[in-house]
Amino acid sequence: MQPKVIPAVITKNLKRGGIGVLPTDTMYGIVGRALNKKTVERIYVLRKRNPKKPMIILIAHVGDVARFGVALDAQTKKILDHVWPGKVSVVLPQSVGNKKLVKKFRYLHRGTRSLAFRLPEPAWLRALLLKTGPLVAPSANFEGRPPARTVKEAKRYFGDKVQFYVDIGRLASKPSTLVAAERGIIRVLRPGAVNIDKL
C-alpha cells in the first residue's frame, strides 16, 4: 500500500523546514529536511532522541551522499549498487579531507563523522525526495517506545506538534537493516527487514 499522490502543500511544507509524519519504505517516520539544521534539531526534541545518536537520511539517488562530504570508493559503490534501492540503511564515513563539510554537518553526524543513508525503493518516495532534497526519517515514536504502526498511534506521540500526517493504513514492516560499509567491507549493525547474508 502506498500514497496515490503526496499533496503539493506537503512538499512545500517540507522544503520550508516543516516536520510531519509520513509512511516510508519501512514504517511511519517523522520527517524533515536533512539540510535544515533547525528542522533536524526540532525532530531530536520532538522524539526525545538521544542527542548523541545520528539519524538515518533518505536520499533520492546515490549521488546525494556527496552533498554530505561522503566520497565513495569503487568497492563501496559496488556494495551500494547491490543493496539499493531497498530496506538497507548504510553508514558511510565522511571524507577526512573535507573538514568544512565534516564541521557543517556535525548536527547530523553528532561527532561520529559518519552518516547513515538509505535509498528507498518506492518510486513515489524517491520522487518526493527529488523535490524536497534528502530527509531525516526516524521512526514516529519517542525514543525507547514502540514505533507507530498507524497514524493514530503516531498522533498519540506528536499530536499537533507536527505540521501534517499522511495516512496509508497500518504498516507492518521491520525497520531497515543497518550496516556499515567501508573499503568493500560490510558489517551488520542492526538486523532488520533485509537478510544481508541472502543478498
N, C-alpha and C. Protein backbone atom coordinates (compact mmCIF):
# COMPACT_ATOMS: atom_id res chain seq x y z
N MET A 1 0.85 -1.19 0.00
CA MET A 1 0.00 0.00 0.00
C MET A 1 0.89 1.25 0.00
N GLN A 2 0.52 2.27 -0.79
CA GLN A 2 1.31 3.49 -0.84
C GLN A 2 0.42 4.66 -1.21
N PRO A 3 0.87 5.88 -0.92
CA PRO A 3 0.05 7.04 -1.26
C PRO A 3 -0.14 7.15 -2.77
N LYS A 4 -1.34 7.55 -3.19
CA LYS A 4 -1.57 7.77 -4.62
C LYS A 4 -0.79 9.00 -5.08
N VAL A 5 -0.77 10.01 -4.21
CA VAL A 5 -0.04 11.24 -4.53
C VAL A 5 0.22 11.98 -3.22
N ILE A 6 1.37 12.63 -3.15
CA ILE A 6 1.68 13.47 -1.99
C ILE A 6 1.27 14.90 -2.35
N PRO A 7 0.33 15.49 -1.61
CA PRO A 7 -0.13 16.85 -1.93
C PRO A 7 1.03 17.85 -2.02
N ALA A 8 0.92 18.77 -2.96
CA ALA A 8 1.97 19.78 -3.17
C ALA A 8 2.22 20.59 -1.91
N VAL A 9 1.16 20.80 -1.11
CA VAL A 9 1.32 21.59 0.11
C VAL A 9 2.27 20.92 1.09
N ILE A 10 2.32 19.58 1.10
CA ILE A 10 3.24 18.87 1.99
C ILE A 10 4.67 19.02 1.49
N THR A 11 4.86 18.92 0.19
CA THR A 11 6.18 19.12 -0.39
C THR A 11 6.71 20.51 -0.05
N LYS A 12 5.86 21.52 -0.23
CA LYS A 12 6.25 22.90 0.09
C LYS A 12 6.55 23.05 1.57
N ASN A 13 5.75 22.40 2.40
CA ASN A 13 5.95 22.46 3.84
C ASN A 13 7.33 21.92 4.22
N LEU A 14 7.70 20.78 3.64
CA LEU A 14 9.00 20.18 3.93
C LEU A 14 10.13 21.07 3.44
N LYS A 15 9.99 21.63 2.25
CA LYS A 15 11.04 22.48 1.69
C LYS A 15 11.25 23.73 2.53
N ARG A 16 10.21 24.15 3.24
CA ARG A 16 10.30 25.35 4.08
C ARG A 16 10.74 25.04 5.50
N GLY A 17 11.05 23.77 5.76
CA GLY A 17 11.54 23.41 7.09
C GLY A 17 10.52 22.77 7.99
N GLY A 18 9.35 22.42 7.43
CA GLY A 18 8.31 21.79 8.23
C GLY A 18 8.63 20.35 8.60
N ILE A 19 7.87 19.83 9.53
CA ILE A 19 8.03 18.46 10.03
C ILE A 19 6.68 17.77 9.98
N GLY A 20 6.68 16.51 9.58
CA GLY A 20 5.44 15.75 9.55
C GLY A 20 5.68 14.27 9.68
N VAL A 21 4.60 13.51 9.72
CA VAL A 21 4.68 12.05 9.79
C VAL A 21 4.27 11.49 8.44
N LEU A 22 5.14 10.65 7.89
CA LEU A 22 5.00 10.17 6.53
C LEU A 22 5.31 8.67 6.49
N PRO A 23 4.59 7.90 5.70
CA PRO A 23 5.00 6.50 5.54
C PRO A 23 6.30 6.44 4.75
N THR A 24 7.22 5.61 5.16
CA THR A 24 8.45 5.41 4.40
C THR A 24 8.38 4.01 3.78
N ASP A 25 9.50 3.51 3.33
CA ASP A 25 9.53 2.16 2.77
C ASP A 25 9.48 1.09 3.84
N THR A 26 9.62 1.48 5.11
CA THR A 26 9.59 0.51 6.21
C THR A 26 8.41 0.76 7.15
N MET A 27 8.39 1.94 7.77
CA MET A 27 7.35 2.27 8.74
C MET A 27 7.10 3.77 8.71
N TYR A 28 6.18 4.22 9.54
CA TYR A 28 5.94 5.66 9.60
C TYR A 28 7.16 6.35 10.21
N GLY A 29 7.56 7.46 9.59
CA GLY A 29 8.69 8.22 10.10
C GLY A 29 8.28 9.65 10.37
N ILE A 30 8.99 10.29 11.29
CA ILE A 30 8.82 11.73 11.49
C ILE A 30 9.91 12.39 10.68
N VAL A 31 9.51 13.13 9.64
CA VAL A 31 10.45 13.54 8.61
C VAL A 31 10.64 15.05 8.55
N GLY A 32 11.82 15.43 8.07
CA GLY A 32 12.15 16.84 7.85
C GLY A 32 13.41 16.91 7.01
N ARG A 33 13.69 18.07 6.44
CA ARG A 33 14.83 18.23 5.54
C ARG A 33 16.14 18.04 6.29
N ALA A 34 16.98 17.15 5.77
CA ALA A 34 18.27 16.88 6.40
C ALA A 34 19.22 18.07 6.29
N LEU A 35 19.03 18.91 5.28
CA LEU A 35 19.91 20.06 5.07
C LEU A 35 19.51 21.28 5.89
N ASN A 36 18.47 21.14 6.71
CA ASN A 36 18.00 22.24 7.56
C ASN A 36 18.31 21.90 9.01
N LYS A 37 19.32 22.54 9.55
CA LYS A 37 19.78 22.23 10.91
C LYS A 37 18.68 22.44 11.94
N LYS A 38 17.92 23.54 11.84
CA LYS A 38 16.87 23.81 12.82
C LYS A 38 15.80 22.72 12.79
N THR A 39 15.46 22.26 11.59
CA THR A 39 14.46 21.20 11.45
C THR A 39 14.94 19.92 12.12
N VAL A 40 16.19 19.55 11.87
CA VAL A 40 16.74 18.33 12.46
C VAL A 40 16.74 18.42 13.99
N GLU A 41 17.15 19.57 14.51
CA GLU A 41 17.19 19.72 15.97
C GLU A 41 15.79 19.66 16.58
N ARG A 42 14.79 20.17 15.86
CA ARG A 42 13.41 20.08 16.34
C ARG A 42 12.94 18.63 16.42
N ILE A 43 13.36 17.82 15.45
CA ILE A 43 12.98 16.41 15.46
C ILE A 43 13.62 15.69 16.64
N TYR A 44 14.87 16.03 16.95
CA TYR A 44 15.51 15.44 18.14
C TYR A 44 14.68 15.74 19.39
N VAL A 45 14.22 16.97 19.52
CA VAL A 45 13.44 17.36 20.69
C VAL A 45 12.08 16.65 20.70
N LEU A 46 11.39 16.65 19.56
CA LEU A 46 10.07 16.03 19.48
C LEU A 46 10.11 14.54 19.80
N ARG A 47 11.16 13.86 19.30
CA ARG A 47 11.26 12.42 19.52
C ARG A 47 11.88 12.07 20.87
N LYS A 48 12.37 13.08 21.58
CA LYS A 48 13.09 12.85 22.85
C LYS A 48 14.27 11.92 22.58
N ARG A 49 14.93 12.17 21.46
CA ARG A 49 16.00 11.30 20.99
C ARG A 49 17.33 11.62 21.66
N ASN A 50 18.10 10.59 21.94
CA ASN A 50 19.45 10.76 22.47
C ASN A 50 20.24 11.67 21.53
N PRO A 51 20.72 12.82 22.00
CA PRO A 51 21.39 13.77 21.12
C PRO A 51 22.71 13.27 20.54
N LYS A 52 23.20 12.16 21.05
CA LYS A 52 24.46 11.61 20.53
C LYS A 52 24.24 10.65 19.37
N LYS A 53 22.99 10.28 19.12
CA LYS A 53 22.69 9.28 18.08
C LYS A 53 22.31 9.96 16.76
N PRO A 54 23.07 9.69 15.70
CA PRO A 54 22.70 10.23 14.38
C PRO A 54 21.40 9.60 13.89
N MET A 55 20.79 10.26 12.88
CA MET A 55 19.56 9.75 12.28
C MET A 55 19.82 9.28 10.86
N ILE A 56 19.00 8.37 10.38
CA ILE A 56 19.11 7.89 9.00
C ILE A 56 18.56 8.95 8.04
N ILE A 57 19.25 9.11 6.92
CA ILE A 57 18.88 10.09 5.91
C ILE A 57 18.38 9.37 4.67
N LEU A 58 17.17 9.71 4.22
CA LEU A 58 16.64 9.15 2.98
C LEU A 58 17.10 9.99 1.80
N ILE A 59 17.57 9.34 0.74
CA ILE A 59 18.08 10.05 -0.43
C ILE A 59 17.38 9.57 -1.69
N ALA A 60 17.41 10.41 -2.73
CA ALA A 60 16.73 10.09 -3.99
C ALA A 60 17.61 9.31 -4.94
N HIS A 61 18.93 9.46 -4.82
CA HIS A 61 19.87 8.73 -5.68
C HIS A 61 21.23 8.67 -4.99
N VAL A 62 22.07 7.77 -5.44
CA VAL A 62 23.36 7.54 -4.78
C VAL A 62 24.20 8.81 -4.72
N GLY A 63 24.11 9.63 -5.75
CA GLY A 63 24.91 10.85 -5.80
C GLY A 63 24.66 11.82 -4.67
N ASP A 64 23.52 11.68 -3.99
CA ASP A 64 23.20 12.59 -2.88
C ASP A 64 24.22 12.52 -1.74
N VAL A 65 24.89 11.39 -1.57
CA VAL A 65 25.81 11.27 -0.43
C VAL A 65 26.95 12.27 -0.54
N ALA A 66 27.31 12.67 -1.76
CA ALA A 66 28.41 13.62 -1.95
C ALA A 66 28.09 14.98 -1.35
N ARG A 67 26.81 15.30 -1.26
CA ARG A 67 26.40 16.59 -0.69
C ARG A 67 26.77 16.69 0.78
N PHE A 68 26.99 15.54 1.41
CA PHE A 68 27.30 15.50 2.83
C PHE A 68 28.77 15.20 3.11
N GLY A 69 29.60 15.32 2.09
CA GLY A 69 31.03 15.11 2.27
C GLY A 69 31.44 13.66 2.31
N VAL A 70 30.65 12.78 1.68
CA VAL A 70 30.99 11.36 1.61
C VAL A 70 31.50 11.04 0.21
N ALA A 71 32.72 10.51 0.15
CA ALA A 71 33.32 10.10 -1.12
C ALA A 71 33.29 8.58 -1.20
N LEU A 72 32.76 8.05 -2.30
CA LEU A 72 32.62 6.60 -2.44
C LEU A 72 33.76 6.00 -3.25
N ASP A 73 34.43 4.99 -2.67
CA ASP A 73 35.41 4.24 -3.44
C ASP A 73 34.66 3.20 -4.28
N ALA A 74 35.36 2.62 -5.23
CA ALA A 74 34.72 1.70 -6.18
C ALA A 74 34.09 0.50 -5.47
N GLN A 75 34.75 -0.02 -4.44
CA GLN A 75 34.23 -1.19 -3.73
C GLN A 75 32.93 -0.87 -2.98
N THR A 76 32.91 0.28 -2.32
CA THR A 76 31.71 0.67 -1.60
C THR A 76 30.57 0.98 -2.57
N LYS A 77 30.90 1.61 -3.68
CA LYS A 77 29.87 1.90 -4.70
C LYS A 77 29.25 0.59 -5.19
N LYS A 78 30.05 -0.44 -5.33
CA LYS A 78 29.53 -1.73 -5.77
C LYS A 78 28.57 -2.31 -4.74
N ILE A 79 28.89 -2.16 -3.46
CA ILE A 79 28.01 -2.63 -2.39
C ILE A 79 26.68 -1.90 -2.44
N LEU A 80 26.74 -0.57 -2.60
CA LEU A 80 25.52 0.22 -2.63
C LEU A 80 24.65 -0.14 -3.83
N ASP A 81 25.28 -0.38 -4.97
CA ASP A 81 24.52 -0.80 -6.16
C ASP A 81 23.82 -2.13 -5.93
N HIS A 82 24.37 -2.93 -5.02
CA HIS A 82 23.81 -4.25 -4.74
C HIS A 82 22.63 -4.19 -3.77
N VAL A 83 22.71 -3.29 -2.77
CA VAL A 83 21.68 -3.25 -1.73
C VAL A 83 20.62 -2.17 -1.95
N TRP A 84 20.88 -1.23 -2.84
CA TRP A 84 19.94 -0.13 -3.11
C TRP A 84 19.38 -0.22 -4.52
N PRO A 85 18.14 0.23 -4.72
CA PRO A 85 17.22 0.69 -3.67
C PRO A 85 16.70 -0.48 -2.85
N GLY A 86 16.42 -0.21 -1.59
CA GLY A 86 15.93 -1.27 -0.73
C GLY A 86 15.94 -0.86 0.72
N LYS A 87 15.54 -1.79 1.58
CA LYS A 87 15.38 -1.51 3.01
C LYS A 87 16.67 -1.75 3.79
N VAL A 88 17.75 -1.21 3.25
CA VAL A 88 19.06 -1.31 3.89
C VAL A 88 19.61 0.10 4.09
N SER A 89 19.88 0.46 5.33
CA SER A 89 20.48 1.76 5.64
C SER A 89 21.98 1.54 5.83
N VAL A 90 22.79 2.38 5.20
CA VAL A 90 24.23 2.17 5.17
C VAL A 90 24.96 3.34 5.81
N VAL A 91 25.79 3.03 6.81
CA VAL A 91 26.61 4.04 7.47
C VAL A 91 27.88 4.22 6.66
N LEU A 92 28.12 5.47 6.24
CA LEU A 92 29.28 5.78 5.42
C LEU A 92 30.10 6.88 6.08
N PRO A 93 31.42 6.76 6.08
CA PRO A 93 32.26 7.79 6.70
C PRO A 93 32.38 9.03 5.81
N GLN A 94 32.43 10.20 6.45
CA GLN A 94 32.72 11.40 5.69
C GLN A 94 34.19 11.42 5.31
N SER A 95 34.50 12.08 4.21
CA SER A 95 35.88 12.19 3.77
C SER A 95 36.67 13.04 4.77
N VAL A 96 37.75 12.48 5.31
CA VAL A 96 38.53 13.20 6.31
C VAL A 96 39.17 14.46 5.74
N GLY A 97 39.32 14.48 4.41
CA GLY A 97 39.93 15.65 3.78
C GLY A 97 38.97 16.82 3.63
N ASN A 98 37.69 16.59 3.82
CA ASN A 98 36.72 17.66 3.64
C ASN A 98 36.27 18.18 5.01
N LYS A 99 37.16 18.88 5.67
CA LYS A 99 36.90 19.35 7.04
C LYS A 99 35.72 20.31 7.11
N LYS A 100 35.51 21.07 6.03
CA LYS A 100 34.42 22.04 6.02
C LYS A 100 33.07 21.36 6.15
N LEU A 101 32.87 20.27 5.37
CA LEU A 101 31.59 19.57 5.42
C LEU A 101 31.46 18.72 6.68
N VAL A 102 32.58 18.21 7.18
CA VAL A 102 32.54 17.47 8.45
C VAL A 102 32.02 18.38 9.55
N LYS A 103 32.52 19.62 9.55
CA LYS A 103 32.08 20.59 10.56
C LYS A 103 30.64 21.03 10.31
N LYS A 104 30.31 21.30 9.05
CA LYS A 104 28.97 21.79 8.69
C LYS A 104 27.88 20.82 9.11
N PHE A 105 28.14 19.51 8.93
CA PHE A 105 27.10 18.51 9.19
C PHE A 105 27.27 17.80 10.52
N ARG A 106 27.92 18.48 11.46
CA ARG A 106 28.05 17.88 12.79
C ARG A 106 26.67 17.67 13.42
N TYR A 107 25.72 18.52 13.09
CA TYR A 107 24.37 18.36 13.64
C TYR A 107 23.70 17.08 13.15
N LEU A 108 24.25 16.49 12.08
CA LEU A 108 23.74 15.21 11.58
C LEU A 108 24.58 14.03 12.07
N HIS A 109 25.91 14.16 12.02
CA HIS A 109 26.73 13.00 12.43
C HIS A 109 26.99 12.96 13.92
N ARG A 110 26.68 14.07 14.63
CA ARG A 110 26.74 14.12 16.10
C ARG A 110 28.13 13.73 16.63
N GLY A 111 29.16 14.10 15.88
CA GLY A 111 30.52 13.83 16.31
C GLY A 111 31.12 12.53 15.82
N THR A 112 30.32 11.70 15.16
CA THR A 112 30.81 10.40 14.69
C THR A 112 31.56 10.49 13.36
N ARG A 113 31.34 11.58 12.63
CA ARG A 113 31.94 11.78 11.30
C ARG A 113 31.54 10.70 10.30
N SER A 114 30.40 10.10 10.55
CA SER A 114 29.83 9.15 9.59
C SER A 114 28.32 9.36 9.59
N LEU A 115 27.69 9.03 8.45
CA LEU A 115 26.26 9.26 8.28
C LEU A 115 25.59 8.03 7.71
N ALA A 116 24.35 7.78 8.12
CA ALA A 116 23.60 6.63 7.62
C ALA A 116 22.61 7.09 6.55
N PHE A 117 22.64 6.42 5.40
CA PHE A 117 21.77 6.77 4.28
C PHE A 117 20.96 5.56 3.86
N ARG A 118 19.78 5.84 3.26
CA ARG A 118 19.00 4.78 2.63
C ARG A 118 18.38 5.32 1.35
N LEU A 119 18.49 4.55 0.29
CA LEU A 119 17.84 4.85 -0.98
C LEU A 119 16.61 3.95 -1.06
N PRO A 120 15.42 4.49 -0.79
CA PRO A 120 14.21 3.65 -0.73
C PRO A 120 13.76 3.20 -2.11
N GLU A 121 13.06 2.08 -2.15
CA GLU A 121 12.60 1.52 -3.42
C GLU A 121 11.34 2.17 -3.98
N PRO A 122 10.34 2.53 -3.17
CA PRO A 122 9.11 3.07 -3.74
C PRO A 122 9.35 4.30 -4.62
N ALA A 123 8.82 4.26 -5.83
CA ALA A 123 9.03 5.35 -6.77
C ALA A 123 8.44 6.66 -6.26
N TRP A 124 7.28 6.58 -5.56
CA TRP A 124 6.65 7.82 -5.07
C TRP A 124 7.52 8.52 -4.04
N LEU A 125 8.23 7.72 -3.22
CA LEU A 125 9.06 8.30 -2.18
C LEU A 125 10.31 8.94 -2.78
N ARG A 126 10.91 8.27 -3.75
CA ARG A 126 12.08 8.86 -4.42
C ARG A 126 11.69 10.12 -5.19
N ALA A 127 10.49 10.14 -5.77
CA ALA A 127 10.02 11.34 -6.47
C ALA A 127 9.87 12.50 -5.48
N LEU A 128 9.36 12.20 -4.29
CA LEU A 128 9.24 13.23 -3.26
C LEU A 128 10.61 13.75 -2.86
N LEU A 129 11.56 12.85 -2.68
CA LEU A 129 12.91 13.23 -2.27
C LEU A 129 13.62 14.08 -3.32
N LEU A 130 13.30 13.84 -4.58
CA LEU A 130 13.86 14.68 -5.65
C LEU A 130 13.38 16.12 -5.51
N LYS A 131 12.17 16.29 -5.00
CA LYS A 131 11.61 17.63 -4.85
C LYS A 131 12.06 18.30 -3.56
N THR A 132 12.14 17.54 -2.49
CA THR A 132 12.43 18.13 -1.18
C THR A 132 13.90 18.15 -0.84
N GLY A 133 14.67 17.26 -1.46
CA GLY A 133 16.03 17.02 -1.02
C GLY A 133 16.02 15.94 0.05
N PRO A 134 17.19 15.49 0.49
CA PRO A 134 17.27 14.42 1.49
C PRO A 134 16.48 14.74 2.76
N LEU A 135 15.86 13.70 3.32
CA LEU A 135 15.05 13.86 4.53
C LEU A 135 15.57 12.95 5.64
N VAL A 136 15.66 13.48 6.85
CA VAL A 136 15.85 12.59 8.00
C VAL A 136 14.49 11.96 8.26
N ALA A 137 14.49 10.70 8.66
CA ALA A 137 13.21 9.99 8.80
C ALA A 137 13.26 8.93 9.89
N PRO A 138 13.55 9.33 11.14
CA PRO A 138 13.50 8.33 12.21
C PRO A 138 12.06 7.86 12.42
N SER A 139 11.90 6.70 13.01
CA SER A 139 10.56 6.15 13.23
C SER A 139 9.72 7.10 14.08
N ALA A 140 8.42 7.09 13.85
CA ALA A 140 7.50 8.01 14.50
C ALA A 140 7.14 7.52 15.90
N ASN A 141 8.00 7.81 16.84
CA ASN A 141 7.78 7.43 18.23
C ASN A 141 8.78 8.17 19.10
N PHE A 142 8.54 8.15 20.40
CA PHE A 142 9.53 8.66 21.34
C PHE A 142 10.64 7.62 21.48
N GLU A 143 11.82 8.08 21.77
CA GLU A 143 12.96 7.17 21.95
C GLU A 143 12.62 6.10 22.99
N GLY A 144 12.87 4.84 22.63
CA GLY A 144 12.63 3.74 23.54
C GLY A 144 11.21 3.23 23.59
N ARG A 145 10.29 3.88 22.85
CA ARG A 145 8.90 3.44 22.81
C ARG A 145 8.62 2.73 21.49
N PRO A 146 7.54 1.95 21.39
CA PRO A 146 7.24 1.21 20.16
C PRO A 146 6.99 2.14 18.97
N PRO A 147 7.52 1.81 17.81
CA PRO A 147 7.26 2.61 16.61
C PRO A 147 5.77 2.62 16.27
N ALA A 148 5.29 3.77 15.80
CA ALA A 148 3.89 3.87 15.39
C ALA A 148 3.66 3.04 14.13
N ARG A 149 2.68 2.16 14.18
CA ARG A 149 2.30 1.36 13.00
C ARG A 149 1.15 1.99 12.24
N THR A 150 0.47 2.95 12.88
CA THR A 150 -0.64 3.66 12.25
C THR A 150 -0.49 5.14 12.55
N VAL A 151 -1.20 5.96 11.79
CA VAL A 151 -1.19 7.40 12.05
C VAL A 151 -1.83 7.69 13.40
N LYS A 152 -2.85 6.92 13.76
CA LYS A 152 -3.48 7.11 15.06
C LYS A 152 -2.47 6.96 16.19
N GLU A 153 -1.60 5.95 16.08
CA GLU A 153 -0.56 5.76 17.09
C GLU A 153 0.44 6.91 17.06
N ALA A 154 0.79 7.38 15.86
CA ALA A 154 1.73 8.50 15.73
C ALA A 154 1.17 9.76 16.38
N LYS A 155 -0.12 9.97 16.23
CA LYS A 155 -0.74 11.16 16.82
C LYS A 155 -0.72 11.11 18.34
N ARG A 156 -0.70 9.91 18.90
CA ARG A 156 -0.60 9.81 20.35
C ARG A 156 0.76 10.32 20.83
N TYR A 157 1.76 10.18 19.98
CA TYR A 157 3.10 10.69 20.33
C TYR A 157 3.22 12.20 20.08
N PHE A 158 2.77 12.65 18.92
CA PHE A 158 3.11 14.01 18.49
C PHE A 158 1.94 14.98 18.41
N GLY A 159 0.70 14.48 18.40
CA GLY A 159 -0.46 15.37 18.39
C GLY A 159 -0.36 16.45 17.33
N ASP A 160 -0.54 17.70 17.76
CA ASP A 160 -0.49 18.83 16.83
C ASP A 160 0.88 19.50 16.79
N LYS A 161 1.91 18.79 17.25
CA LYS A 161 3.26 19.36 17.26
C LYS A 161 3.98 19.19 15.92
N VAL A 162 3.35 18.46 14.99
CA VAL A 162 3.89 18.35 13.64
C VAL A 162 2.89 18.98 12.68
N GLN A 163 3.36 19.32 11.48
CA GLN A 163 2.54 20.08 10.54
C GLN A 163 1.58 19.22 9.71
N PHE A 164 1.88 17.93 9.56
CA PHE A 164 1.00 17.09 8.74
C PHE A 164 1.18 15.61 9.08
N TYR A 165 0.18 14.83 8.69
CA TYR A 165 0.23 13.37 8.75
C TYR A 165 -0.24 12.83 7.40
N VAL A 166 0.42 11.80 6.90
CA VAL A 166 -0.02 11.11 5.68
C VAL A 166 -0.37 9.69 6.08
N ASP A 167 -1.63 9.33 5.91
CA ASP A 167 -2.16 8.06 6.41
C ASP A 167 -2.38 7.08 5.25
N ILE A 168 -1.72 5.91 5.31
CA ILE A 168 -1.99 4.85 4.33
C ILE A 168 -2.36 3.54 5.04
N GLY A 169 -2.86 3.67 6.26
CA GLY A 169 -3.24 2.47 6.99
C GLY A 169 -2.10 1.90 7.81
N ARG A 170 -2.25 0.66 8.24
CA ARG A 170 -1.25 0.03 9.09
C ARG A 170 -0.02 -0.41 8.30
N LEU A 171 1.16 -0.11 8.85
CA LEU A 171 2.42 -0.57 8.26
C LEU A 171 3.04 -1.59 9.20
N ALA A 172 3.45 -2.72 8.64
CA ALA A 172 3.93 -3.82 9.49
C ALA A 172 5.36 -4.23 9.19
N SER A 173 6.10 -3.46 8.40
CA SER A 173 7.47 -3.83 8.05
C SER A 173 8.39 -3.73 9.26
N LYS A 174 9.43 -4.54 9.26
CA LYS A 174 10.50 -4.38 10.23
C LYS A 174 11.28 -3.11 9.88
N PRO A 175 12.05 -2.58 10.83
CA PRO A 175 12.92 -1.45 10.49
C PRO A 175 13.97 -1.88 9.47
N SER A 176 14.59 -0.91 8.85
CA SER A 176 15.62 -1.24 7.86
C SER A 176 16.78 -1.97 8.52
N THR A 177 17.45 -2.78 7.74
CA THR A 177 18.70 -3.38 8.19
C THR A 177 19.78 -2.31 8.15
N LEU A 178 20.52 -2.16 9.24
CA LEU A 178 21.55 -1.12 9.33
C LEU A 178 22.93 -1.77 9.22
N VAL A 179 23.71 -1.29 8.25
CA VAL A 179 25.05 -1.84 8.05
C VAL A 179 26.05 -0.70 7.95
N ALA A 180 27.31 -1.02 8.16
CA ALA A 180 28.41 -0.08 7.93
C ALA A 180 29.22 -0.60 6.75
N ALA A 181 29.58 0.29 5.85
CA ALA A 181 30.35 -0.10 4.66
C ALA A 181 31.55 0.82 4.49
N GLU A 182 32.71 0.20 4.31
CA GLU A 182 33.93 0.97 4.08
C GLU A 182 34.98 0.08 3.44
N ARG A 183 35.54 0.56 2.33
CA ARG A 183 36.59 -0.16 1.60
C ARG A 183 36.16 -1.59 1.25
N GLY A 184 34.91 -1.74 0.86
CA GLY A 184 34.44 -3.03 0.42
C GLY A 184 34.05 -3.99 1.52
N ILE A 185 34.16 -3.55 2.76
CA ILE A 185 33.80 -4.41 3.89
C ILE A 185 32.44 -3.94 4.43
N ILE A 186 31.56 -4.90 4.68
CA ILE A 186 30.22 -4.58 5.18
C ILE A 186 29.98 -5.30 6.51
N ARG A 187 29.49 -4.55 7.50
CA ARG A 187 29.20 -5.11 8.82
C ARG A 187 27.75 -4.80 9.19
N VAL A 188 27.05 -5.80 9.67
CA VAL A 188 25.67 -5.59 10.10
C VAL A 188 25.66 -5.01 11.51
N LEU A 189 25.06 -3.83 11.65
CA LEU A 189 24.97 -3.17 12.94
C LEU A 189 23.63 -3.42 13.63
N ARG A 190 22.59 -3.62 12.79
CA ARG A 190 21.25 -3.91 13.32
C ARG A 190 20.49 -4.77 12.32
N PRO A 191 20.13 -5.99 12.67
CA PRO A 191 19.31 -6.80 11.77
C PRO A 191 17.96 -6.11 11.53
N GLY A 192 17.38 -6.37 10.37
CA GLY A 192 16.11 -5.73 10.08
C GLY A 192 15.37 -6.40 8.95
N ALA A 193 14.78 -5.60 8.09
CA ALA A 193 13.89 -6.09 7.04
C ALA A 193 14.58 -6.94 5.99
N VAL A 194 15.88 -6.75 5.80
CA VAL A 194 16.62 -7.46 4.76
C VAL A 194 17.70 -8.34 5.39
N ASN A 195 17.75 -9.59 4.97
CA ASN A 195 18.81 -10.51 5.41
C ASN A 195 20.01 -10.33 4.48
N ILE A 196 21.05 -9.65 4.97
CA ILE A 196 22.21 -9.35 4.14
C ILE A 196 22.87 -10.62 3.61
N ASP A 197 22.87 -11.66 4.41
CA ASP A 197 23.53 -12.90 4.02
C ASP A 197 22.89 -13.52 2.77
N LYS A 198 21.62 -13.19 2.51
CA LYS A 198 20.92 -13.77 1.38
C LYS A 198 21.01 -12.94 0.11
N LEU A 199 21.63 -11.75 0.24
CA LEU A 199 21.75 -10.89 -0.95
C LEU A 199 22.86 -11.39 -1.87
